[in-house]
Amino acid sequence: MKKTLTIALALAVVGIAGISATTASGTGSSGSNKSDRHGHDHHHGRPSIAKAWEAAWNNDDPKRLAALFTTDGRYSDHALMQTFKGRDGVTQWAAATKQFVADANVKVNSAFADDGQVAIVWTFSGHLQGAPKPFSVPASTILKMRGDKIVANDDYYNRAEVLAQSGLPADTVFN
């Protein structure tokens, strides 16, 4: 219950942080793209790991995503009830996603960091193999950090919405 409440509160704050980040974008005395000691990219108003995570997902090399993780890192997609462990597992997950979702795309809309965690609100889009139509759904992710590496990644989005937009039956199973 406490974990669920923490995530819900974090996601609510992300919406507010996204508005603040949009209005604060480009501020700062130097105007540079450099990150501060807390990993925040002041030019874009979001943690630098969120930018790296987005870029890695939108890259064709699944090892680029895995490189953001600790060697014992964990990636969980809660919509599909799938968890992958270690950099090899993260590589496997990224490769499978790219294979199963044509034109898979991640667009970070807002993000913030606090106390070793990063909340990301993003849009997940693509075209499921064999589906008649593409999809584009809102998603959120909580990253737990160890230094500048991801130790845990928890993705949340509505699987039923992906299926409905894709033109697939609600009971479609992915394994």
N, C-alpha and C. Protein backbone atom coordinates (compact mmCIF):
# COMPACT_ATOMS: atom_id res chain seq x y z
N MET A 1 0.83 -1.19 0.00
CA MET A 1 0.00 0.00 0.00
C MET A 1 0.87 1.25 0.00
N LYS A 2 1.91 1.28 0.86
CA LYS A 2 2.78 2.45 0.94
C LYS A 2 3.49 2.68 -0.39
N LYS A 3 3.96 1.59 -1.03
CA LYS A 3 4.66 1.72 -2.31
C LYS A 3 3.71 2.27 -3.38
N THR A 4 2.47 1.77 -3.41
CA THR A 4 1.49 2.23 -4.37
C THR A 4 1.18 3.70 -4.15
N LEU A 5 1.01 4.10 -2.89
CA LEU A 5 0.74 5.49 -2.58
C LEU A 5 1.91 6.39 -2.99
N THR A 6 3.13 5.93 -2.72
CA THR A 6 4.32 6.70 -3.09
C THR A 6 4.37 6.91 -4.60
N ILE A 7 4.10 5.86 -5.36
CA ILE A 7 4.12 5.96 -6.81
C ILE A 7 3.02 6.89 -7.30
N ALA A 8 1.82 6.76 -6.73
CA ALA A 8 0.72 7.62 -7.14
C ALA A 8 1.04 9.09 -6.86
N LEU A 9 1.59 9.36 -5.69
CA LEU A 9 1.97 10.74 -5.36
C LEU A 9 3.06 11.24 -6.29
N ALA A 10 4.04 10.39 -6.57
CA ALA A 10 5.13 10.79 -7.46
C ALA A 10 4.60 11.12 -8.85
N LEU A 11 3.67 10.33 -9.34
CA LEU A 11 3.13 10.57 -10.67
C LEU A 11 2.29 11.84 -10.70
N ALA A 12 1.59 12.13 -9.61
CA ALA A 12 0.82 13.37 -9.53
C ALA A 12 1.76 14.57 -9.56
N VAL A 13 2.86 14.46 -8.85
CA VAL A 13 3.84 15.54 -8.83
C VAL A 13 4.50 15.70 -10.19
N VAL A 14 4.67 14.60 -10.93
CA VAL A 14 5.29 14.69 -12.25
C VAL A 14 4.51 15.65 -13.14
N GLY A 15 3.21 15.59 -13.08
CA GLY A 15 2.40 16.50 -13.88
C GLY A 15 2.71 17.94 -13.52
N ILE A 16 2.81 18.25 -12.24
CA ILE A 16 3.15 19.59 -11.80
C ILE A 16 4.58 19.92 -12.20
N ALA A 17 5.49 18.96 -12.01
CA ALA A 17 6.89 19.19 -12.37
C ALA A 17 7.03 19.43 -13.86
N GLY A 18 6.22 18.73 -14.65
CA GLY A 18 6.28 18.91 -16.10
C GLY A 18 5.90 20.33 -16.49
N ILE A 19 4.88 20.88 -15.80
CA ILE A 19 4.49 22.26 -16.07
C ILE A 19 5.61 23.20 -15.65
N SER A 20 6.17 22.98 -14.47
CA SER A 20 7.27 23.81 -13.98
C SER A 20 8.48 23.70 -14.89
N ALA A 21 8.78 22.47 -15.33
CA ALA A 21 9.95 22.26 -16.19
C ALA A 21 9.77 22.98 -17.52
N THR A 22 8.55 22.99 -18.03
CA THR A 22 8.29 23.66 -19.30
C THR A 22 8.53 25.15 -19.16
N THR A 23 8.05 25.74 -18.07
CA THR A 23 8.23 27.18 -17.90
C THR A 23 9.65 27.53 -17.53
N ALA A 24 10.39 26.59 -16.91
CA ALA A 24 11.76 26.87 -16.51
C ALA A 24 12.76 26.52 -17.59
N SER A 25 12.33 25.86 -18.65
CA SER A 25 13.24 25.43 -19.70
C SER A 25 14.05 26.60 -20.25
N GLY A 26 15.35 26.36 -20.33
CA GLY A 26 16.21 27.37 -20.90
C GLY A 26 16.71 28.37 -19.89
N THR A 27 16.28 28.27 -18.63
CA THR A 27 16.76 29.20 -17.63
C THR A 27 18.06 28.72 -17.05
N GLY A 28 18.68 29.59 -16.30
CA GLY A 28 19.96 29.25 -15.71
C GLY A 28 20.99 30.25 -16.19
N SER A 29 22.03 30.46 -15.40
CA SER A 29 22.97 31.52 -15.73
C SER A 29 23.84 31.20 -16.93
N SER A 30 24.18 29.96 -17.14
CA SER A 30 25.09 29.65 -18.24
C SER A 30 24.37 29.34 -19.54
N GLY A 31 23.12 28.84 -19.46
CA GLY A 31 22.40 28.48 -20.67
C GLY A 31 22.98 27.26 -21.35
N SER A 32 23.84 26.50 -20.66
CA SER A 32 24.48 25.33 -21.27
C SER A 32 23.62 24.11 -21.11
N ASN A 33 24.02 23.01 -21.76
CA ASN A 33 23.32 21.75 -21.65
C ASN A 33 23.93 20.84 -20.60
N LYS A 34 24.83 21.34 -19.78
CA LYS A 34 25.51 20.51 -18.80
C LYS A 34 24.61 20.19 -17.63
N SER A 35 24.83 19.01 -17.03
CA SER A 35 24.07 18.58 -15.88
C SER A 35 24.76 19.05 -14.61
N ASP A 36 23.95 19.34 -13.58
CA ASP A 36 24.54 19.71 -12.30
C ASP A 36 24.92 18.45 -11.53
N ARG A 37 25.38 18.63 -10.30
CA ARG A 37 25.84 17.48 -9.52
C ARG A 37 24.70 16.53 -9.13
N HIS A 38 23.45 16.95 -9.32
CA HIS A 38 22.31 16.09 -9.02
C HIS A 38 21.76 15.39 -10.26
N GLY A 39 22.43 15.55 -11.41
CA GLY A 39 21.99 14.88 -12.63
C GLY A 39 20.87 15.61 -13.35
N HIS A 40 20.64 16.88 -13.03
CA HIS A 40 19.59 17.64 -13.70
C HIS A 40 20.16 18.41 -14.87
N ASP A 41 19.52 18.30 -15.98
CA ASP A 41 19.89 19.04 -17.18
C ASP A 41 19.06 20.32 -17.15
N HIS A 42 19.68 21.43 -16.77
CA HIS A 42 18.93 22.66 -16.58
C HIS A 42 18.41 23.25 -17.88
N HIS A 43 19.03 22.93 -18.98
CA HIS A 43 18.54 23.45 -20.25
C HIS A 43 17.15 22.90 -20.57
N HIS A 44 16.91 21.66 -20.21
CA HIS A 44 15.63 21.02 -20.51
C HIS A 44 14.78 20.81 -19.27
N GLY A 45 15.27 21.17 -18.08
CA GLY A 45 14.48 21.08 -16.87
C GLY A 45 14.15 19.68 -16.45
N ARG A 46 14.96 18.68 -16.79
CA ARG A 46 14.66 17.31 -16.38
C ARG A 46 15.96 16.58 -16.08
N PRO A 47 15.88 15.51 -15.30
CA PRO A 47 17.10 14.75 -14.99
C PRO A 47 17.76 14.21 -16.26
N SER A 48 19.08 14.25 -16.31
CA SER A 48 19.80 13.80 -17.50
C SER A 48 19.56 12.32 -17.78
N ILE A 49 19.30 11.50 -16.75
CA ILE A 49 19.05 10.07 -16.98
C ILE A 49 17.77 9.89 -17.80
N ALA A 50 16.79 10.79 -17.65
CA ALA A 50 15.56 10.68 -18.43
C ALA A 50 15.85 10.89 -19.92
N LYS A 51 16.71 11.85 -20.23
CA LYS A 51 17.10 12.07 -21.63
C LYS A 51 17.86 10.88 -22.18
N ALA A 52 18.78 10.33 -21.37
CA ALA A 52 19.58 9.18 -21.81
C ALA A 52 18.69 7.95 -22.02
N TRP A 53 17.73 7.75 -21.12
CA TRP A 53 16.78 6.63 -21.19
C TRP A 53 15.96 6.73 -22.46
N GLU A 54 15.43 7.92 -22.75
CA GLU A 54 14.65 8.15 -23.98
C GLU A 54 15.51 7.88 -25.22
N ALA A 55 16.71 8.43 -25.24
CA ALA A 55 17.60 8.25 -26.40
C ALA A 55 17.95 6.77 -26.59
N ALA A 56 18.17 6.06 -25.50
CA ALA A 56 18.51 4.63 -25.59
C ALA A 56 17.35 3.82 -26.15
N TRP A 57 16.14 4.12 -25.70
CA TRP A 57 14.97 3.40 -26.22
C TRP A 57 14.77 3.69 -27.70
N ASN A 58 15.10 4.88 -28.14
CA ASN A 58 14.88 5.26 -29.53
C ASN A 58 16.07 4.93 -30.43
N ASN A 59 17.03 4.22 -29.90
CA ASN A 59 18.21 3.79 -30.64
C ASN A 59 18.03 2.33 -31.06
N ASP A 60 18.64 1.94 -32.15
CA ASP A 60 18.50 0.56 -32.64
C ASP A 60 19.34 -0.46 -31.87
N ASP A 61 20.29 -0.01 -31.06
CA ASP A 61 21.17 -0.93 -30.32
C ASP A 61 20.62 -1.15 -28.91
N PRO A 62 20.07 -2.35 -28.61
CA PRO A 62 19.50 -2.60 -27.29
C PRO A 62 20.53 -2.54 -26.16
N LYS A 63 21.81 -2.68 -26.49
CA LYS A 63 22.84 -2.60 -25.45
C LYS A 63 23.00 -1.18 -24.93
N ARG A 64 22.55 -0.20 -25.71
CA ARG A 64 22.63 1.19 -25.25
C ARG A 64 21.74 1.40 -24.03
N LEU A 65 20.55 0.79 -24.02
CA LEU A 65 19.68 0.87 -22.85
C LEU A 65 20.32 0.13 -21.68
N ALA A 66 20.81 -1.06 -21.93
CA ALA A 66 21.41 -1.87 -20.87
C ALA A 66 22.59 -1.17 -20.21
N ALA A 67 23.33 -0.36 -20.96
CA ALA A 67 24.49 0.34 -20.42
C ALA A 67 24.11 1.37 -19.36
N LEU A 68 22.84 1.76 -19.31
CA LEU A 68 22.38 2.72 -18.30
C LEU A 68 22.14 2.06 -16.95
N PHE A 69 22.15 0.73 -16.91
CA PHE A 69 21.82 -0.04 -15.71
C PHE A 69 23.06 -0.53 -14.97
N THR A 70 22.87 -0.78 -13.67
CA THR A 70 23.90 -1.48 -12.90
C THR A 70 23.97 -2.92 -13.40
N THR A 71 25.02 -3.63 -13.07
CA THR A 71 25.13 -5.02 -13.53
C THR A 71 24.01 -5.89 -12.96
N ASP A 72 23.48 -5.52 -11.78
CA ASP A 72 22.39 -6.29 -11.17
C ASP A 72 21.04 -5.60 -11.35
N GLY A 73 20.94 -4.69 -12.30
CA GLY A 73 19.72 -3.92 -12.52
C GLY A 73 18.54 -4.79 -12.92
N ARG A 74 17.34 -4.21 -12.75
CA ARG A 74 16.09 -4.92 -13.04
C ARG A 74 15.19 -4.01 -13.86
N TYR A 75 14.56 -4.57 -14.91
CA TYR A 75 13.59 -3.85 -15.73
C TYR A 75 12.26 -4.59 -15.64
N SER A 76 11.22 -3.91 -15.17
CA SER A 76 9.89 -4.52 -15.07
C SER A 76 8.89 -3.74 -15.89
N ASP A 77 8.16 -4.45 -16.75
CA ASP A 77 7.04 -3.90 -17.50
C ASP A 77 5.79 -4.46 -16.83
N HIS A 78 5.15 -3.65 -16.00
CA HIS A 78 4.02 -4.12 -15.21
C HIS A 78 2.78 -4.39 -16.03
N ALA A 79 2.62 -3.73 -17.17
CA ALA A 79 1.46 -3.99 -18.04
C ALA A 79 1.51 -5.40 -18.60
N LEU A 80 2.70 -5.89 -18.87
CA LEU A 80 2.86 -7.24 -19.43
C LEU A 80 3.32 -8.25 -18.38
N MET A 81 3.50 -7.79 -17.15
CA MET A 81 3.94 -8.65 -16.04
C MET A 81 5.24 -9.38 -16.40
N GLN A 82 6.19 -8.63 -16.95
CA GLN A 82 7.49 -9.17 -17.34
C GLN A 82 8.59 -8.46 -16.57
N THR A 83 9.57 -9.23 -16.09
CA THR A 83 10.73 -8.65 -15.41
C THR A 83 11.99 -9.29 -15.96
N PHE A 84 12.98 -8.45 -16.20
CA PHE A 84 14.27 -8.90 -16.73
C PHE A 84 15.36 -8.40 -15.82
N LYS A 85 16.35 -9.25 -15.56
CA LYS A 85 17.40 -8.90 -14.60
C LYS A 85 18.78 -8.86 -15.25
N GLY A 86 19.59 -7.94 -14.76
CA GLY A 86 20.95 -7.78 -15.26
C GLY A 86 20.97 -7.09 -16.60
N ARG A 87 22.15 -6.68 -17.02
CA ARG A 87 22.28 -5.99 -18.31
C ARG A 87 21.89 -6.89 -19.47
N ASP A 88 22.19 -8.19 -19.36
CA ASP A 88 21.79 -9.11 -20.43
C ASP A 88 20.27 -9.18 -20.54
N GLY A 89 19.59 -9.19 -19.39
CA GLY A 89 18.13 -9.21 -19.39
C GLY A 89 17.55 -7.94 -19.98
N VAL A 90 18.12 -6.79 -19.63
CA VAL A 90 17.65 -5.52 -20.18
C VAL A 90 17.86 -5.50 -21.69
N THR A 91 19.01 -5.99 -22.14
CA THR A 91 19.28 -6.07 -23.58
C THR A 91 18.24 -6.95 -24.26
N GLN A 92 17.94 -8.10 -23.65
CA GLN A 92 16.93 -9.02 -24.19
C GLN A 92 15.56 -8.34 -24.29
N TRP A 93 15.17 -7.60 -23.24
CA TRP A 93 13.88 -6.93 -23.23
C TRP A 93 13.80 -5.85 -24.31
N ALA A 94 14.84 -5.04 -24.43
CA ALA A 94 14.85 -3.97 -25.43
C ALA A 94 14.80 -4.56 -26.84
N ALA A 95 15.54 -5.62 -27.08
CA ALA A 95 15.55 -6.26 -28.40
C ALA A 95 14.18 -6.86 -28.71
N ALA A 96 13.57 -7.54 -27.74
CA ALA A 96 12.25 -8.14 -27.96
C ALA A 96 11.20 -7.07 -28.24
N THR A 97 11.27 -5.96 -27.51
CA THR A 97 10.33 -4.86 -27.72
C THR A 97 10.46 -4.32 -29.14
N LYS A 98 11.70 -4.07 -29.57
CA LYS A 98 11.92 -3.54 -30.92
C LYS A 98 11.45 -4.53 -31.99
N GLN A 99 11.58 -5.83 -31.71
CA GLN A 99 11.15 -6.84 -32.68
C GLN A 99 9.63 -6.94 -32.73
N PHE A 100 8.98 -6.83 -31.57
CA PHE A 100 7.53 -7.02 -31.48
C PHE A 100 6.75 -5.74 -31.78
N VAL A 101 7.37 -4.57 -31.54
CA VAL A 101 6.71 -3.29 -31.77
C VAL A 101 7.47 -2.52 -32.85
N ALA A 102 6.93 -2.58 -34.07
CA ALA A 102 7.55 -1.84 -35.17
C ALA A 102 7.45 -0.34 -34.89
N ASP A 103 8.49 0.38 -35.23
CA ASP A 103 8.53 1.82 -35.02
C ASP A 103 8.30 2.21 -33.57
N ALA A 104 8.74 1.34 -32.63
CA ALA A 104 8.60 1.65 -31.20
C ALA A 104 9.27 2.99 -30.91
N ASN A 105 8.55 3.84 -30.19
CA ASN A 105 9.08 5.16 -29.88
C ASN A 105 8.73 5.55 -28.46
N VAL A 106 9.68 6.18 -27.81
CA VAL A 106 9.51 6.71 -26.46
C VAL A 106 9.71 8.21 -26.53
N LYS A 107 8.74 8.98 -26.04
CA LYS A 107 8.88 10.43 -25.97
C LYS A 107 8.65 10.86 -24.53
N VAL A 108 9.70 11.34 -23.88
CA VAL A 108 9.58 11.82 -22.50
C VAL A 108 8.87 13.16 -22.52
N ASN A 109 7.80 13.25 -21.75
CA ASN A 109 7.04 14.49 -21.65
C ASN A 109 7.46 15.32 -20.44
N SER A 110 7.78 14.65 -19.33
CA SER A 110 8.26 15.34 -18.14
C SER A 110 8.95 14.33 -17.24
N ALA A 111 9.79 14.85 -16.35
CA ALA A 111 10.50 13.98 -15.41
C ALA A 111 11.02 14.82 -14.26
N PHE A 112 11.18 14.17 -13.12
CA PHE A 112 11.83 14.81 -11.99
C PHE A 112 12.53 13.76 -11.14
N ALA A 113 13.49 14.22 -10.35
CA ALA A 113 14.26 13.32 -9.49
C ALA A 113 14.15 13.78 -8.05
N ASP A 114 14.14 12.79 -7.14
CA ASP A 114 14.13 13.09 -5.72
C ASP A 114 14.59 11.86 -4.96
N ASP A 115 15.57 12.04 -4.11
CA ASP A 115 16.01 11.00 -3.18
C ASP A 115 16.35 9.67 -3.87
N GLY A 116 17.14 9.73 -4.94
CA GLY A 116 17.60 8.52 -5.60
C GLY A 116 16.57 7.87 -6.51
N GLN A 117 15.46 8.54 -6.77
CA GLN A 117 14.45 8.03 -7.68
C GLN A 117 14.13 9.08 -8.74
N VAL A 118 13.73 8.60 -9.91
CA VAL A 118 13.36 9.48 -11.01
C VAL A 118 11.99 9.03 -11.50
N ALA A 119 11.08 9.98 -11.62
CA ALA A 119 9.75 9.70 -12.18
C ALA A 119 9.72 10.29 -13.59
N ILE A 120 9.25 9.49 -14.53
CA ILE A 120 9.19 9.91 -15.93
C ILE A 120 7.77 9.70 -16.45
N VAL A 121 7.20 10.72 -17.07
CA VAL A 121 5.93 10.60 -17.77
C VAL A 121 6.27 10.67 -19.25
N TRP A 122 5.81 9.68 -20.00
CA TRP A 122 6.21 9.58 -21.40
C TRP A 122 5.08 9.05 -22.25
N THR A 123 5.28 9.08 -23.56
CA THR A 123 4.33 8.51 -24.51
C THR A 123 5.01 7.34 -25.20
N PHE A 124 4.32 6.20 -25.20
CA PHE A 124 4.80 4.97 -25.84
C PHE A 124 3.98 4.79 -27.11
N SER A 125 4.66 4.70 -28.25
CA SER A 125 3.94 4.52 -29.50
C SER A 125 4.66 3.50 -30.38
N GLY A 126 3.91 2.98 -31.34
CA GLY A 126 4.46 2.01 -32.28
C GLY A 126 3.34 1.23 -32.94
N HIS A 127 3.72 0.11 -33.52
CA HIS A 127 2.76 -0.73 -34.23
C HIS A 127 3.05 -2.18 -33.88
N LEU A 128 2.16 -2.80 -33.10
CA LEU A 128 2.36 -4.21 -32.72
C LEU A 128 2.35 -5.09 -33.96
N GLN A 129 3.28 -6.04 -33.99
CA GLN A 129 3.34 -6.97 -35.12
C GLN A 129 1.99 -7.67 -35.26
N GLY A 130 1.45 -7.67 -36.46
CA GLY A 130 0.19 -8.34 -36.74
C GLY A 130 -1.06 -7.53 -36.41
N ALA A 131 -0.90 -6.36 -35.84
CA ALA A 131 -2.06 -5.52 -35.51
C ALA A 131 -2.43 -4.65 -36.70
N PRO A 132 -3.71 -4.37 -36.86
CA PRO A 132 -4.11 -3.55 -38.00
C PRO A 132 -3.78 -2.07 -37.88
N LYS A 133 -3.61 -1.54 -36.64
CA LYS A 133 -3.39 -0.11 -36.45
C LYS A 133 -2.26 0.15 -35.46
N PRO A 134 -1.62 1.32 -35.55
CA PRO A 134 -0.61 1.71 -34.57
C PRO A 134 -1.26 2.18 -33.27
N PHE A 135 -0.46 2.38 -32.24
CA PHE A 135 -0.95 2.87 -30.95
C PHE A 135 -0.05 4.00 -30.45
N SER A 136 -0.59 4.78 -29.53
CA SER A 136 0.17 5.82 -28.83
C SER A 136 -0.51 6.04 -27.49
N VAL A 137 0.15 5.62 -26.41
CA VAL A 137 -0.46 5.66 -25.08
C VAL A 137 0.43 6.38 -24.07
N PRO A 138 -0.19 6.98 -23.06
CA PRO A 138 0.61 7.57 -22.00
C PRO A 138 1.20 6.47 -21.13
N ALA A 139 2.37 6.74 -20.58
CA ALA A 139 3.04 5.77 -19.72
C ALA A 139 3.81 6.53 -18.64
N SER A 140 4.18 5.81 -17.60
CA SER A 140 5.02 6.40 -16.57
C SER A 140 6.02 5.35 -16.10
N THR A 141 7.14 5.84 -15.65
CA THR A 141 8.22 4.98 -15.20
C THR A 141 8.82 5.56 -13.93
N ILE A 142 9.14 4.67 -13.01
CA ILE A 142 9.90 5.05 -11.82
C ILE A 142 11.25 4.35 -11.92
N LEU A 143 12.32 5.14 -11.88
CA LEU A 143 13.67 4.60 -11.87
C LEU A 143 14.23 4.73 -10.46
N LYS A 144 14.87 3.69 -9.98
CA LYS A 144 15.64 3.76 -8.74
C LYS A 144 17.09 3.77 -9.16
N MET A 145 17.82 4.73 -8.64
CA MET A 145 19.19 4.95 -9.06
C MET A 145 20.19 4.49 -8.00
N ARG A 146 21.34 4.06 -8.48
CA ARG A 146 22.52 3.82 -7.64
C ARG A 146 23.63 4.61 -8.30
N GLY A 147 23.93 5.76 -7.72
CA GLY A 147 24.86 6.67 -8.38
C GLY A 147 24.21 7.17 -9.65
N ASP A 148 24.92 7.05 -10.77
CA ASP A 148 24.36 7.51 -12.06
C ASP A 148 23.80 6.36 -12.89
N LYS A 149 23.63 5.18 -12.28
CA LYS A 149 23.10 4.01 -13.00
C LYS A 149 21.73 3.62 -12.46
N ILE A 150 20.93 3.02 -13.32
CA ILE A 150 19.59 2.55 -12.94
C ILE A 150 19.72 1.17 -12.29
N VAL A 151 19.17 1.03 -11.10
CA VAL A 151 19.15 -0.27 -10.43
C VAL A 151 17.78 -0.95 -10.60
N ALA A 152 16.73 -0.14 -10.78
CA ALA A 152 15.39 -0.70 -11.01
C ALA A 152 14.59 0.25 -11.89
N ASN A 153 13.87 -0.33 -12.84
CA ASN A 153 13.04 0.40 -13.79
C ASN A 153 11.66 -0.24 -13.74
N ASP A 154 10.64 0.54 -13.39
CA ASP A 154 9.27 0.03 -13.33
C ASP A 154 8.40 0.84 -14.28
N ASP A 155 7.94 0.20 -15.38
CA ASP A 155 7.08 0.83 -16.37
C ASP A 155 5.62 0.54 -16.07
N TYR A 156 4.77 1.57 -16.22
CA TYR A 156 3.34 1.44 -16.02
C TYR A 156 2.62 2.10 -17.19
N TYR A 157 1.75 1.34 -17.86
CA TYR A 157 0.88 1.87 -18.91
C TYR A 157 -0.30 0.92 -19.03
N ASN A 158 -1.32 1.31 -19.76
CA ASN A 158 -2.54 0.53 -19.85
C ASN A 158 -2.47 -0.42 -21.04
N ARG A 159 -2.26 -1.70 -20.76
CA ARG A 159 -2.17 -2.72 -21.80
C ARG A 159 -3.45 -2.78 -22.62
N ALA A 160 -4.61 -2.65 -21.97
CA ALA A 160 -5.89 -2.70 -22.68
C ALA A 160 -6.01 -1.55 -23.69
N GLU A 161 -5.46 -0.39 -23.33
CA GLU A 161 -5.49 0.75 -24.25
C GLU A 161 -4.60 0.50 -25.47
N VAL A 162 -3.44 -0.12 -25.25
CA VAL A 162 -2.56 -0.49 -26.37
C VAL A 162 -3.31 -1.42 -27.32
N LEU A 163 -3.95 -2.44 -26.76
CA LEU A 163 -4.67 -3.41 -27.58
C LEU A 163 -5.84 -2.77 -28.32
N ALA A 164 -6.61 -1.94 -27.62
CA ALA A 164 -7.78 -1.30 -28.25
C ALA A 164 -7.35 -0.40 -29.41
N GLN A 165 -6.33 0.42 -29.18
CA GLN A 165 -5.86 1.30 -30.26
C GLN A 165 -5.29 0.50 -31.42
N SER A 166 -4.69 -0.65 -31.11
CA SER A 166 -4.08 -1.49 -32.14
C SER A 166 -5.10 -2.29 -32.93
N GLY A 167 -6.34 -2.32 -32.44
CA GLY A 167 -7.39 -3.09 -33.12
C GLY A 167 -7.34 -4.57 -32.79
N LEU A 168 -6.76 -4.91 -31.62
CA LEU A 168 -6.66 -6.31 -31.20
C LEU A 168 -7.64 -6.59 -30.07
N PRO A 169 -8.05 -7.86 -29.91
CA PRO A 169 -8.97 -8.21 -28.82
C PRO A 169 -8.32 -7.98 -27.45
N ALA A 170 -9.14 -7.65 -26.48
CA ALA A 170 -8.66 -7.35 -25.11
C ALA A 170 -7.97 -8.54 -24.45
N ASP A 171 -8.27 -9.76 -24.91
CA ASP A 171 -7.66 -10.94 -24.28
C ASP A 171 -6.39 -11.42 -24.99
N THR A 172 -5.81 -10.57 -25.85
CA THR A 172 -4.56 -10.92 -26.54
C THR A 172 -3.47 -11.14 -25.51
N VAL A 173 -2.72 -12.23 -25.66
CA VAL A 173 -1.67 -12.58 -24.72
C VAL A 173 -0.31 -12.44 -25.41
N PHE A 174 0.66 -11.87 -24.69
CA PHE A 174 2.02 -11.71 -25.21
C PHE A 174 2.96 -12.55 -24.38
N ASN A 175 3.58 -13.52 -24.97
CA ASN A 175 4.59 -14.34 -24.28
C ASN A 175 5.62 -14.84 -25.25
